[in-house]
Amino acid sequence: MPEFLLVEWLGKPVWMWTAFLSLVVFLLAFDLGVLNRKDKELGVKESLLLSAFYIGIAALFGAYIWWSFETGLLVTQDGSHAGIAYFTGFFIEKSLSIDNVFVISLIFSYFAIPRKYQYRALVWGIVGVIVLRGIMIAVGAALVQEYAWMLYLFGAFLIITGVKMLLVPESEPNIDNNAMVRFLRRHMRVSDRLHEQHFFVREPDPKTGRIVTWATPLFLALVVINVADLIFAVDSVPAIFAITTDTFVVYTANIMAILGLRALYFALAAMVHRFHYLKYALALVLVFIGGKIFWNQLVGKLDPTISLGVTFALIAGGVVFSLWKTKNEPETISG
């Protein structure tokens, strides 16, 4: 193996990062180049099958992480069990991202993006997520490593966020007043109509007649979706850091959960209203994870299997209760 691949970066050898990112690139290329080569409306059945495929890949990768830790090939920076931390983080990120589906649906509706172009925008959005989440996680890891007391801030933030989710009613985001949308419209030429799956087009400027580059509404939707994802990451990233501070485990759990969520979007978008009560289960998860930080530091390290079990039980209970409570509500179609 070349020597540079053995150099450590963010606590792990470069070959580990290269192997994981190569897997992600392969999946995205397969998604765009084979499964979604021709833009089409992704049906609920296809969405569920594709999501099952991604969840299977995530589970296999998690099994590899677990095996690597048990055999000593992978050592975590904080001594936490890599496999348990990965799956706990995966469940939390997957569940927290369900709220993101509602926001993405509103964004597509606002920009009038047809369903057959939505999946391409979501897949390309993963590229932005890979970079933005990477930056957030790297900064978070550096802060925790340099200032151990940052974990207490994460814990307090999670508890406050969880309590807020329990007590404060949800409000619908106002995309028309979104600062990013206003900024882009002021500083870019934005076409007032779609150009199929294109993010940019070359067309005449109505004032000068010169051929210039225009951004399309699909590009604006892509940018706003990535900004929304970054905002949601403010909750999910500290939640995973509360489980483990190992950068590799935090990042891979995040990305694997998001990869599958994009595929699941078209099934969830039609029934996202049926997960209304999941919000309260997620709030309890955040309070539990935040409280666990203080327990670990002040009393003693909580068994990670208990953490995984409580997290899974709360999320599963929230899903089951939501589906049961809303079983008579009609489906809605988005986009």
C-alpha atoms as a PDB file:
ATOM      1  CA  MET A   1       0.000   0.000   0.000  1.00  0.00           C
ATOM      2  CA  PRO A   2       1.431   3.455  -0.917  1.00  0.00           C
ATOM      3  CA  GLU A   3       2.864   5.245   2.099  1.00  0.00           C
ATOM      4  CA  PHE A   4       0.644   8.341   1.749  1.00  0.00           C
ATOM      5  CA  LEU A   5      -2.476   6.168   2.205  1.00  0.00           C
ATOM      6  CA  LEU A   6      -1.226   5.230   5.685  1.00  0.00           C
ATOM      7  CA  VAL A   7      -0.910   8.865   6.788  1.00  0.00           C
ATOM      8  CA  GLU A   8      -3.490   9.764   9.431  1.00  0.00           C
ATOM      9  CA  TRP A   9      -6.059  12.464   8.698  1.00  0.00           C
ATOM     10  CA  LEU A  10      -8.704  13.374  11.275  1.00  0.00           C
ATOM     11  CA  GLY A  11      -7.764  10.369  13.367  1.00  0.00           C
ATOM     12  CA  LYS A  12      -7.883   7.711  10.630  1.00  0.00           C
ATOM     13  CA  PRO A  13      -5.522   6.624   7.823  1.00  0.00           C
ATOM     14  CA  VAL A  14      -6.170   8.224   4.453  1.00  0.00           C
ATOM     15  CA  TRP A  15      -7.065   4.851   2.910  1.00  0.00           C
ATOM     16  CA  MET A  16     -10.151   4.583   5.140  1.00  0.00           C
ATOM     17  CA  TRP A  17     -11.436   7.988   4.064  1.00  0.00           C
ATOM     18  CA  THR A  18     -10.586   7.232   0.430  1.00  0.00           C
ATOM     19  CA  ALA A  19     -12.403   3.881   0.532  1.00  0.00           C
ATOM     20  CA  PHE A  20     -15.534   5.395   2.067  1.00  0.00           C
ATOM     21  CA  LEU A  21     -15.686   8.395  -0.270  1.00  0.00           C
ATOM     22  CA  SER A  22     -15.062   6.077  -3.241  1.00  0.00           C
ATOM     23  CA  LEU A  23     -18.088   4.037  -2.159  1.00  0.00           C
ATOM     24  CA  VAL A  24     -20.211   7.195  -1.945  1.00  0.00           C
ATOM     25  CA  VAL A  25     -19.016   8.419  -5.370  1.00  0.00           C
ATOM     26  CA  PHE A  26     -19.759   4.994  -6.878  1.00  0.00           C
ATOM     27  CA  LEU A  27     -23.286   4.990  -5.423  1.00  0.00           C
ATOM     28  CA  LEU A  28     -23.980   8.512  -6.699  1.00  0.00           C
ATOM     29  CA  ALA A  29     -22.593   7.712 -10.160  1.00  0.00           C
ATOM     30  CA  PHE A  30     -24.684   4.524 -10.267  1.00  0.00           C
ATOM     31  CA  ASP A  31     -27.730   6.493  -9.127  1.00  0.00           C
ATOM     32  CA  LEU A  32     -27.382   9.273 -11.698  1.00  0.00           C
ATOM     33  CA  GLY A  33     -25.768   7.347 -14.535  1.00  0.00           C
ATOM     34  CA  VAL A  34     -27.778   4.123 -14.419  1.00  0.00           C
ATOM     35  CA  LEU A  35     -30.889   4.313 -12.238  1.00  0.00           C
ATOM     36  CA  ASN A  36     -31.776   7.904 -13.089  1.00  0.00           C
ATOM     37  CA  ARG A  37     -30.133   8.333 -16.496  1.00  0.00           C
ATOM     38  CA  LYS A  38     -33.416   9.585 -17.941  1.00  0.00           C
ATOM     39  CA  ASP A  39     -35.384  12.039 -15.836  1.00  0.00           C
ATOM     40  CA  LYS A  40     -38.639  10.470 -14.755  1.00  0.00           C
ATOM     41  CA  GLU A  41     -41.065  10.624 -11.890  1.00  0.00           C
ATOM     42  CA  LEU A  42     -39.951   8.213  -9.183  1.00  0.00           C
ATOM     43  CA  GLY A  43     -42.928   6.207  -7.908  1.00  0.00           C
ATOM     44  CA  VAL A  44     -43.518   5.162  -4.310  1.00  0.00           C
ATOM     45  CA  LYS A  45     -42.630   1.523  -5.048  1.00  0.00           C
ATOM     46  CA  GLU A  46     -39.359   2.485  -6.749  1.00  0.00           C
ATOM     47  CA  SER A  47     -38.624   4.897  -3.919  1.00  0.00           C
ATOM     48  CA  LEU A  48     -39.085   2.171  -1.297  1.00  0.00           C
ATOM     49  CA  LEU A  49     -36.985  -0.344  -3.237  1.00  0.00           C
ATOM     50  CA  LEU A  50     -34.168   2.147  -3.774  1.00  0.00           C
ATOM     51  CA  SER A  51     -34.327   3.153  -0.125  1.00  0.00           C
ATOM     52  CA  ALA A  52     -34.154  -0.510   0.923  1.00  0.00           C
ATOM     53  CA  PHE A  53     -31.049  -0.850  -1.264  1.00  0.00           C
ATOM     54  CA  TYR A  54     -29.378   2.132   0.443  1.00  0.00           C
ATOM     55  CA  ILE A  55     -30.364   0.930   3.916  1.00  0.00           C
ATOM     56  CA  GLY A  56     -28.866  -2.459   3.044  1.00  0.00           C
ATOM     57  CA  ILE A  57     -25.613  -0.805   1.960  1.00  0.00           C
ATOM     58  CA  ALA A  58     -25.583   1.267   5.179  1.00  0.00           C
ATOM     59  CA  ALA A  59     -26.207  -1.850   7.278  1.00  0.00           C
ATOM     60  CA  LEU A  60     -23.413  -3.767   5.522  1.00  0.00           C
ATOM     61  CA  PHE A  61     -21.053  -0.853   6.031  1.00  0.00           C
ATOM     62  CA  GLY A  62     -22.073  -0.700   9.692  1.00  0.00           C
ATOM     63  CA  ALA A  63     -21.407  -4.434  10.010  1.00  0.00           C
ATOM     64  CA  TYR A  64     -17.937  -3.833   8.546  1.00  0.00           C
ATOM     65  CA  ILE A  65     -17.344  -1.016  11.065  1.00  0.00           C
ATOM     66  CA  TRP A  66     -18.461  -3.351  13.880  1.00  0.00           C
ATOM     67  CA  TRP A  67     -16.193  -6.172  12.656  1.00  0.00           C
ATOM     68  CA  SER A  68     -13.249  -3.803  12.183  1.00  0.00           C
ATOM     69  CA  PHE A  69     -13.605  -2.567  15.764  1.00  0.00           C
ATOM     70  CA  GLU A  70     -13.933  -6.066  17.217  1.00  0.00           C
ATOM     71  CA  THR A  71     -10.837  -7.281  15.338  1.00  0.00           C
ATOM     72  CA  GLY A  72      -8.755  -4.224  16.218  1.00  0.00           C
ATOM     73  CA  LEU A  73      -8.508  -2.909  12.648  1.00  0.00           C
ATOM     74  CA  LEU A  74     -10.428   0.230  13.622  1.00  0.00           C
ATOM     75  CA  VAL A  75      -9.731   2.021  16.892  1.00  0.00           C
ATOM     76  CA  THR A  76     -11.951   4.935  17.918  1.00  0.00           C
ATOM     77  CA  GLN A  77     -10.447   8.163  19.182  1.00  0.00           C
ATOM     78  CA  ASP A  78     -12.488   8.121  22.402  1.00  0.00           C
ATOM     79  CA  GLY A  79     -12.615   4.371  23.027  1.00  0.00           C
ATOM     80  CA  SER A  80     -16.333   4.090  22.185  1.00  0.00           C
ATOM     81  CA  HIS A  81     -17.619   0.968  20.415  1.00  0.00           C
ATOM     82  CA  ALA A  82     -17.491   1.947  16.754  1.00  0.00           C
ATOM     83  CA  GLY A  83     -20.311  -0.369  15.632  1.00  0.00           C
ATOM     84  CA  ILE A  84     -22.786   0.656  18.335  1.00  0.00           C
ATOM     85  CA  ALA A  85     -21.931   4.340  17.861  1.00  0.00           C
ATOM     86  CA  TYR A  86     -22.377   4.058  14.079  1.00  0.00           C
ATOM     87  CA  PHE A  87     -25.833   2.475  14.271  1.00  0.00           C
ATOM     88  CA  THR A  88     -26.989   4.821  17.045  1.00  0.00           C
ATOM     89  CA  GLY A  89     -25.879   7.822  15.012  1.00  0.00           C
ATOM     90  CA  PHE A  90     -27.455   6.364  11.863  1.00  0.00           C
ATOM     91  CA  PHE A  91     -30.867   5.937  13.566  1.00  0.00           C
ATOM     92  CA  ILE A  92     -30.767   9.454  15.009  1.00  0.00           C
ATOM     93  CA  GLU A  93     -29.737  11.116  11.742  1.00  0.00           C
ATOM     94  CA  LYS A  94     -32.275   9.135   9.706  1.00  0.00           C
ATOM     95  CA  SER A  95     -35.109  10.045  12.052  1.00  0.00           C
ATOM     96  CA  LEU A  96     -34.199  13.711  12.447  1.00  0.00           C
ATOM     97  CA  SER A  97     -34.045  14.011   8.668  1.00  0.00           C
ATOM     98  CA  ILE A  98     -37.715  13.060   8.272  1.00  0.00           C
ATOM     99  CA  ASP A  99     -38.584  16.644   9.237  1.00  0.00           C
ATOM    100  CA  ASN A 100     -36.311  17.710   6.406  1.00  0.00           C
ATOM    101  CA  VAL A 101     -38.591  15.918   3.936  1.00  0.00           C
ATOM    102  CA  PHE A 102     -41.414  18.355   4.725  1.00  0.00           C
ATOM    103  CA  VAL A 103     -39.142  21.354   4.137  1.00  0.00           C
ATOM    104  CA  ILE A 104     -37.768  19.893   0.881  1.00  0.00           C
ATOM    105  CA  SER A 105     -41.339  19.340  -0.307  1.00  0.00           C
ATOM    106  CA  LEU A 106     -42.170  22.999   0.376  1.00  0.00           C
ATOM    107  CA  ILE A 107     -39.041  24.144  -1.477  1.00  0.00           C
ATOM    108  CA  PHE A 108     -39.903  22.113  -4.575  1.00  0.00           C
ATOM    109  CA  SER A 109     -43.473  23.415  -4.485  1.00  0.00           C
ATOM    110  CA  TYR A 110     -42.316  27.028  -4.127  1.00  0.00           C
ATOM    111  CA  PHE A 111     -40.023  26.784  -7.175  1.00  0.00           C
ATOM    112  CA  ALA A 112     -42.614  24.696  -9.097  1.00  0.00           C
ATOM    113  CA  ILE A 113     -40.166  21.838  -9.737  1.00  0.00           C
ATOM    114  CA  PRO A 114     -41.891  18.874 -11.464  1.00  0.00           C
ATOM    115  CA  ARG A 115     -41.464  15.522  -9.715  1.00  0.00           C
ATOM    116  CA  LYS A 116     -39.448  14.066 -12.614  1.00  0.00           C
ATOM    117  CA  TYR A 117     -36.641  16.602 -11.987  1.00  0.00           C
ATOM    118  CA  GLN A 118     -36.738  16.479  -8.198  1.00  0.00           C
ATOM    119  CA  TYR A 119     -34.693  13.321  -7.735  1.00  0.00           C
ATOM    120  CA  ARG A 120     -31.802  14.633  -9.846  1.00  0.00           C
ATOM    121  CA  ALA A 121     -31.675  17.752  -7.661  1.00  0.00           C
ATOM    122  CA  LEU A 122     -31.724  15.630  -4.508  1.00  0.00           C
ATOM    123  CA  VAL A 123     -28.887  13.392  -5.687  1.00  0.00           C
ATOM    124  CA  TRP A 124     -26.724  16.366  -6.694  1.00  0.00           C
ATOM    125  CA  GLY A 125     -27.573  17.856  -3.324  1.00  0.00           C
ATOM    126  CA  ILE A 126     -25.722  14.944  -1.730  1.00  0.00           C
ATOM    127  CA  VAL A 127     -22.477  16.343  -3.156  1.00  0.00           C
ATOM    128  CA  GLY A 128     -23.044  19.565  -1.253  1.00  0.00           C
ATOM    129  CA  VAL A 129     -23.972  17.627   1.876  1.00  0.00           C
ATOM    130  CA  ILE A 130     -20.750  15.579   1.697  1.00  0.00           C
ATOM    131  CA  VAL A 131     -18.690  18.782   1.718  1.00  0.00           C
ATOM    132  CA  LEU A 132     -20.768  20.827   4.189  1.00  0.00           C
ATOM    133  CA  ARG A 133     -21.227  18.014   6.724  1.00  0.00           C
ATOM    134  CA  GLY A 134     -17.522  17.234   6.421  1.00  0.00           C
ATOM    135  CA  ILE A 135     -16.610  20.813   7.311  1.00  0.00           C
ATOM    136  CA  MET A 136     -19.071  20.917  10.238  1.00  0.00           C
ATOM    137  CA  ILE A 137     -17.889  17.590  11.643  1.00  0.00           C
ATOM    138  CA  ALA A 138     -14.200  18.449  11.239  1.00  0.00           C
ATOM    139  CA  VAL A 139     -14.703  21.761  13.067  1.00  0.00           C
ATOM    140  CA  GLY A 140     -16.791  20.076  15.767  1.00  0.00           C
ATOM    141  CA  ALA A 141     -14.181  17.352  16.278  1.00  0.00           C
ATOM    142  CA  ALA A 142     -11.386  19.925  16.533  1.00  0.00           C
ATOM    143  CA  LEU A 143     -13.335  21.938  19.119  1.00  0.00           C
ATOM    144  CA  VAL A 144     -14.139  18.873  21.234  1.00  0.00           C
ATOM    145  CA  GLN A 145     -10.540  17.666  21.086  1.00  0.00           C
ATOM    146  CA  GLU A 146      -9.146  21.075  22.024  1.00  0.00           C
ATOM    147  CA  TYR A 147     -11.843  22.071  24.521  1.00  0.00           C
ATOM    148  CA  ALA A 148     -13.387  19.099  26.339  1.00  0.00           C
ATOM    149  CA  TRP A 149     -15.991  21.372  27.935  1.00  0.00           C
ATOM    150  CA  MET A 150     -17.575  21.813  24.480  1.00  0.00           C
ATOM    151  CA  LEU A 151     -19.312  18.487  25.081  1.00  0.00           C
ATOM    152  CA  TYR A 152     -21.223  20.108  27.953  1.00  0.00           C
ATOM    153  CA  LEU A 153     -22.366  22.833  25.561  1.00  0.00           C
ATOM    154  CA  PHE A 154     -23.484  20.173  23.071  1.00  0.00           C
ATOM    155  CA  GLY A 155     -25.371  18.384  25.849  1.00  0.00           C
ATOM    156  CA  ALA A 156     -27.089  21.542  27.068  1.00  0.00           C
ATOM    157  CA  PHE A 157     -27.947  22.516  23.480  1.00  0.00           C
ATOM    158  CA  LEU A 158     -29.517  19.106  22.813  1.00  0.00           C
ATOM    159  CA  ILE A 159     -31.583  19.237  26.002  1.00  0.00           C
ATOM    160  CA  ILE A 160     -32.807  22.774  25.256  1.00  0.00           C
ATOM    161  CA  THR A 161     -33.598  21.814  21.642  1.00  0.00           C
ATOM    162  CA  GLY A 162     -35.505  18.723  22.785  1.00  0.00           C
ATOM    163  CA  VAL A 163     -37.549  20.666  25.338  1.00  0.00           C
ATOM    164  CA  LYS A 164     -38.276  23.331  22.716  1.00  0.00           C
ATOM    165  CA  MET A 165     -39.512  20.644  20.276  1.00  0.00           C
ATOM    166  CA  LEU A 166     -41.832  19.339  22.991  1.00  0.00           C
ATOM    167  CA  LEU A 167     -43.297  22.688  23.968  1.00  0.00           C
ATOM    168  CA  VAL A 168     -43.127  25.047  20.957  1.00  0.00           C
ATOM    169  CA  PRO A 169     -45.581  24.512  18.043  1.00  0.00           C
ATOM    170  CA  GLU A 170     -44.032  24.003  14.606  1.00  0.00           C
ATOM    171  CA  SER A 171     -44.252  26.849  12.093  1.00  0.00           C
ATOM    172  CA  GLU A 172     -44.111  26.612   8.312  1.00  0.00           C
ATOM    173  CA  PRO A 173     -40.915  28.156   6.874  1.00  0.00           C
ATOM    174  CA  ASN A 174     -41.384  31.244   4.703  1.00  0.00           C
ATOM    175  CA  ILE A 175     -39.271  30.525   1.626  1.00  0.00           C
ATOM    176  CA  ASP A 176     -40.258  33.782  -0.062  1.00  0.00           C
ATOM    177  CA  ASN A 177     -38.420  35.710   2.662  1.00  0.00           C
ATOM    178  CA  ASN A 178     -35.463  33.317   2.741  1.00  0.00           C
ATOM    179  CA  ALA A 179     -32.219  35.337   2.917  1.00  0.00           C
ATOM    180  CA  MET A 180     -30.385  32.949   0.571  1.00  0.00           C
ATOM    181  CA  VAL A 181     -33.105  33.201  -2.090  1.00  0.00           C
ATOM    182  CA  ARG A 182     -33.036  37.010  -1.920  1.00  0.00           C
ATOM    183  CA  PHE A 183     -29.215  37.019  -2.101  1.00  0.00           C
ATOM    184  CA  LEU A 184     -29.111  34.750  -5.143  1.00  0.00           C
ATOM    185  CA  ARG A 185     -31.773  36.736  -6.995  1.00  0.00           C
ATOM    186  CA  ARG A 186     -29.848  39.964  -6.328  1.00  0.00           C
ATOM    187  CA  HIS A 187     -26.425  38.673  -7.352  1.00  0.00           C
ATOM    188  CA  MET A 188     -27.208  36.199 -10.148  1.00  0.00           C
ATOM    189  CA  ARG A 189     -29.200  36.199 -13.343  1.00  0.00           C
ATOM    190  CA  VAL A 190     -32.065  33.841 -12.551  1.00  0.00           C
ATOM    191  CA  SER A 191     -34.333  32.517 -15.289  1.00  0.00           C
ATOM    192  CA  ASP A 192     -38.045  32.756 -14.573  1.00  0.00           C
ATOM    193  CA  ARG A 193     -38.712  29.322 -16.079  1.00  0.00           C
ATOM    194  CA  LEU A 194     -37.353  25.789 -15.878  1.00  0.00           C
ATOM    195  CA  HIS A 195     -35.001  24.372 -18.506  1.00  0.00           C
ATOM    196  CA  GLU A 196     -35.626  20.687 -17.911  1.00  0.00           C
ATOM    197  CA  GLN A 197     -32.903  19.177 -15.680  1.00  0.00           C
ATOM    198  CA  HIS A 198     -30.372  21.992 -16.245  1.00  0.00           C
ATOM    199  CA  PHE A 199     -29.043  24.097 -13.373  1.00  0.00           C
ATOM    200  CA  PHE A 200     -27.583  26.734 -15.722  1.00  0.00           C
ATOM    201  CA  VAL A 201     -28.414  27.808 -19.275  1.00  0.00           C
ATOM    202  CA  ARG A 202     -26.908  30.191 -21.842  1.00  0.00           C
ATOM    203  CA  GLU A 203     -29.461  32.674 -23.165  1.00  0.00           C
ATOM    204  CA  PRO A 204     -29.526  36.278 -24.470  1.00  0.00           C
ATOM    205  CA  ASP A 205     -29.632  39.122 -21.982  1.00  0.00           C
ATOM    206  CA  PRO A 206     -32.862  41.059 -22.783  1.00  0.00           C
ATOM    207  CA  LYS A 207     -31.052  44.394 -22.217  1.00  0.00           C
ATOM    208  CA  THR A 208     -27.822  43.849 -24.162  1.00  0.00           C
ATOM    209  CA  GLY A 209     -28.625  40.910 -26.419  1.00  0.00           C
ATOM    210  CA  ARG A 210     -25.371  39.181 -25.369  1.00  0.00           C
ATOM    211  CA  ILE A 211     -25.430  35.449 -24.626  1.00  0.00           C
ATOM    212  CA  VAL A 212     -24.967  35.104 -20.850  1.00  0.00           C
ATOM    213  CA  THR A 213     -25.312  32.428 -18.192  1.00  0.00           C
ATOM    214  CA  TRP A 214     -28.561  32.167 -16.257  1.00  0.00           C
ATOM    215  CA  ALA A 215     -29.278  30.124 -13.162  1.00  0.00           C
ATOM    216  CA  THR A 216     -32.535  28.163 -13.312  1.00  0.00           C
ATOM    217  CA  PRO A 217     -35.147  27.681 -10.574  1.00  0.00           C
ATOM    218  CA  LEU A 218     -33.830  24.121 -10.215  1.00  0.00           C
ATOM    219  CA  PHE A 219     -30.445  25.521  -9.138  1.00  0.00           C
ATOM    220  CA  LEU A 220     -32.082  27.839  -6.600  1.00  0.00           C
ATOM    221  CA  ALA A 221     -34.032  24.881  -5.203  1.00  0.00           C
ATOM    222  CA  LEU A 222     -30.774  22.893  -4.940  1.00  0.00           C
ATOM    223  CA  VAL A 223     -29.034  25.692  -3.011  1.00  0.00           C
ATOM    224  CA  VAL A 224     -31.940  26.254  -0.620  1.00  0.00           C
ATOM    225  CA  ILE A 225     -32.220  22.497   0.046  1.00  0.00           C
ATOM    226  CA  ASN A 226     -28.534  22.358   0.981  1.00  0.00           C
ATOM    227  CA  VAL A 227     -28.908  25.374   3.272  1.00  0.00           C
ATOM    228  CA  ALA A 228     -31.907  23.698   4.922  1.00  0.00           C
ATOM    229  CA  ASP A 229     -29.869  20.521   5.370  1.00  0.00           C
ATOM    230  CA  LEU A 230     -27.089  22.542   7.013  1.00  0.00           C
ATOM    231  CA  ILE A 231     -29.596  24.021   9.463  1.00  0.00           C
ATOM    232  CA  PHE A 232     -30.911  20.572  10.329  1.00  0.00           C
ATOM    233  CA  ALA A 233     -27.321  19.388  10.840  1.00  0.00           C
ATOM    234  CA  VAL A 234     -27.023  21.861  13.731  1.00  0.00           C
ATOM    235  CA  ASP A 235     -29.218  19.422  15.699  1.00  0.00           C
ATOM    236  CA  SER A 236     -28.017  16.082  14.356  1.00  0.00           C
ATOM    237  CA  VAL A 237     -24.236  16.600  14.400  1.00  0.00           C
ATOM    238  CA  PRO A 238     -24.037  17.486  18.140  1.00  0.00           C
ATOM    239  CA  ALA A 239     -26.356  14.526  18.821  1.00  0.00           C
ATOM    240  CA  ILE A 240     -23.876  12.106  17.247  1.00  0.00           C
ATOM    241  CA  PHE A 241     -20.906  13.804  18.913  1.00  0.00           C
ATOM    242  CA  ALA A 242     -22.693  13.089  22.193  1.00  0.00           C
ATOM    243  CA  ILE A 243     -22.437   9.384  21.321  1.00  0.00           C
ATOM    244  CA  THR A 244     -18.885   9.344  19.995  1.00  0.00           C
ATOM    245  CA  THR A 245     -16.263  11.952  19.158  1.00  0.00           C
ATOM    246  CA  ASP A 246     -14.630   9.718  16.562  1.00  0.00           C
ATOM    247  CA  THR A 247     -14.715  11.800  13.375  1.00  0.00           C
ATOM    248  CA  PHE A 248     -14.830   8.845  10.991  1.00  0.00           C
ATOM    249  CA  VAL A 249     -17.808   7.191  12.718  1.00  0.00           C
ATOM    250  CA  VAL A 250     -19.695  10.493  13.008  1.00  0.00           C
ATOM    251  CA  TYR A 251     -19.170  11.360   9.338  1.00  0.00           C
ATOM    252  CA  THR A 252     -19.941   7.933   7.873  1.00  0.00           C
ATOM    253  CA  ALA A 253     -23.126   7.533   9.956  1.00  0.00           C
ATOM    254  CA  ASN A 254     -24.293  10.986   8.809  1.00  0.00           C
ATOM    255  CA  ILE A 255     -23.627  10.437   5.112  1.00  0.00           C
ATOM    256  CA  MET A 256     -25.042   6.903   4.992  1.00  0.00           C
ATOM    257  CA  ALA A 257     -28.291   8.059   6.620  1.00  0.00           C
ATOM    258  CA  ILE A 258     -28.667  10.979   4.200  1.00  0.00           C
ATOM    259  CA  LEU A 259     -27.911   8.886   1.102  1.00  0.00           C
ATOM    260  CA  GLY A 260     -30.887   6.653   1.811  1.00  0.00           C
ATOM    261  CA  LEU A 261     -33.193   9.485   2.820  1.00  0.00           C
ATOM    262  CA  ARG A 262     -32.970  11.091  -0.624  1.00  0.00           C
ATOM    263  CA  ALA A 263     -34.203   7.829  -2.138  1.00  0.00           C
ATOM    264  CA  LEU A 264     -36.991   7.545   0.439  1.00  0.00           C
ATOM    265  CA  TYR A 265     -38.153  11.121  -0.158  1.00  0.00           C
ATOM    266  CA  PHE A 266     -40.847  10.279  -2.735  1.00  0.00           C
ATOM    267  CA  ALA A 267     -42.471   7.711  -0.460  1.00  0.00           C
ATOM    268  CA  LEU A 268     -42.274   9.942   2.601  1.00  0.00           C
ATOM    269  CA  ALA A 269     -43.373  13.171   0.876  1.00  0.00           C
ATOM    270  CA  ALA A 270     -46.857  11.762   0.289  1.00  0.00           C
ATOM    271  CA  MET A 271     -47.275  10.692   3.913  1.00  0.00           C
ATOM    272  CA  VAL A 272     -44.983  12.967   5.933  1.00  0.00           C
ATOM    273  CA  HIS A 273     -48.038  14.270   7.800  1.00  0.00           C
ATOM    274  CA  ARG A 274     -48.422  10.788   9.271  1.00  0.00           C
ATOM    275  CA  PHE A 275     -45.139  11.167  11.177  1.00  0.00           C
ATOM    276  CA  HIS A 276     -46.393  14.158  13.170  1.00  0.00           C
ATOM    277  CA  TYR A 277     -45.966  12.454  16.554  1.00  0.00           C
ATOM    278  CA  LEU A 278     -42.435  11.314  15.735  1.00  0.00           C
ATOM    279  CA  LYS A 279     -41.386  14.856  16.626  1.00  0.00           C
ATOM    280  CA  TYR A 280     -42.038  14.159  20.300  1.00  0.00           C
ATOM    281  CA  ALA A 281     -40.068  10.908  20.246  1.00  0.00           C
ATOM    282  CA  LEU A 282     -37.137  12.730  18.613  1.00  0.00           C
ATOM    283  CA  ALA A 283     -37.379  15.450  21.260  1.00  0.00           C
ATOM    284  CA  LEU A 284     -37.056  12.781  23.962  1.00  0.00           C
ATOM    285  CA  VAL A 285     -34.076  11.269  22.104  1.00  0.00           C
ATOM    286  CA  LEU A 286     -32.305  14.645  22.080  1.00  0.00           C
ATOM    287  CA  VAL A 287     -33.001  15.160  25.797  1.00  0.00           C
ATOM    288  CA  PHE A 288     -31.771  11.624  26.539  1.00  0.00           C
ATOM    289  CA  ILE A 289     -28.587  12.002  24.470  1.00  0.00           C
ATOM    290  CA  GLY A 290     -27.888  15.444  25.945  1.00  0.00           C
ATOM    291  CA  GLY A 291     -28.465  14.138  29.481  1.00  0.00           C
ATOM    292  CA  LYS A 292     -26.172  11.183  28.738  1.00  0.00           C
ATOM    293  CA  ILE A 293     -23.252  13.574  28.274  1.00  0.00           C
ATOM    294  CA  PHE A 294     -23.652  14.932  31.792  1.00  0.00           C
ATOM    295  CA  TRP A 295     -24.212  11.418  33.187  1.00  0.00           C
ATOM    296  CA  ASN A 296     -21.025  10.129  31.509  1.00  0.00           C
ATOM    297  CA  GLN A 297     -18.941  13.007  32.847  1.00  0.00           C
ATOM    298  CA  LEU A 298     -20.394  13.273  36.355  1.00  0.00           C
ATOM    299  CA  VAL A 299     -21.511   9.734  37.271  1.00  0.00           C
ATOM    300  CA  GLY A 300     -19.922   7.175  34.975  1.00  0.00           C
ATOM    301  CA  LYS A 301     -19.998   5.997  31.366  1.00  0.00           C
ATOM    302  CA  LEU A 302     -23.418   4.663  30.383  1.00  0.00           C
ATOM    303  CA  ASP A 303     -23.369   1.284  28.668  1.00  0.00           C
ATOM    304  CA  PRO A 304     -23.473   2.085  24.915  1.00  0.00           C
ATOM    305  CA  THR A 305     -25.916  -0.790  24.292  1.00  0.00           C
ATOM    306  CA  ILE A 306     -28.372   0.946  26.642  1.00  0.00           C
ATOM    307  CA  SER A 307     -27.961   4.153  24.654  1.00  0.00           C
ATOM    308  CA  LEU A 308     -28.594   2.319  21.372  1.00  0.00           C
ATOM    309  CA  GLY A 309     -31.583   0.442  22.843  1.00  0.00           C
ATOM    310  CA  VAL A 310     -33.239   3.552  24.301  1.00  0.00           C
ATOM    311  CA  THR A 311     -32.672   5.533  21.082  1.00  0.00           C
ATOM    312  CA  PHE A 312     -34.097   2.768  18.891  1.00  0.00           C
ATOM    313  CA  ALA A 313     -37.061   2.156  21.226  1.00  0.00           C
ATOM    314  CA  LEU A 314     -38.023   5.849  21.330  1.00  0.00           C
ATOM    315  CA  ILE A 315     -37.767   6.279  17.551  1.00  0.00           C
ATOM    316  CA  ALA A 316     -39.582   3.018  16.772  1.00  0.00           C
ATOM    317  CA  GLY A 317     -42.275   3.890  19.321  1.00  0.00           C
ATOM    318  CA  GLY A 318     -42.701   7.336  17.755  1.00  0.00           C
ATOM    319  CA  VAL A 319     -43.062   5.872  14.262  1.00  0.00           C
ATOM    320  CA  VAL A 320     -45.555   3.192  15.314  1.00  0.00           C
ATOM    321  CA  PHE A 321     -47.634   5.599  17.415  1.00  0.00           C
ATOM    322  CA  SER A 322     -47.672   8.201  14.616  1.00  0.00           C
ATOM    323  CA  LEU A 323     -48.808   5.693  11.992  1.00  0.00           C
ATOM    324  CA  TRP A 324     -51.490   4.325  14.330  1.00  0.00           C
ATOM    325  CA  LYS A 325     -52.735   7.774  15.400  1.00  0.00           C
ATOM    326  CA  THR A 326     -52.985   9.060  11.808  1.00  0.00           C
ATOM    327  CA  LYS A 327     -54.169   5.844  10.085  1.00  0.00           C
ATOM    328  CA  ASN A 328     -57.433   7.456   8.940  1.00  0.00           C
ATOM    329  CA  GLU A 329     -55.847  10.608   7.515  1.00  0.00           C
ATOM    330  CA  PRO A 330     -55.707  10.937   3.693  1.00  0.00           C
ATOM    331  CA  GLU A 331     -52.409  11.034   1.828  1.00  0.00           C
ATOM    332  CA  THR A 332     -51.116  14.251   0.298  1.00  0.00           C
ATOM    333  CA  ILE A 333     -49.200  14.580  -2.916  1.00  0.00           C
ATOM    334  CA  SER A 334     -46.320  17.068  -3.041  1.00  0.00           C
ATOM    335  CA  GLY A 335     -44.573  18.724  -5.904  1.00  0.00           C
END
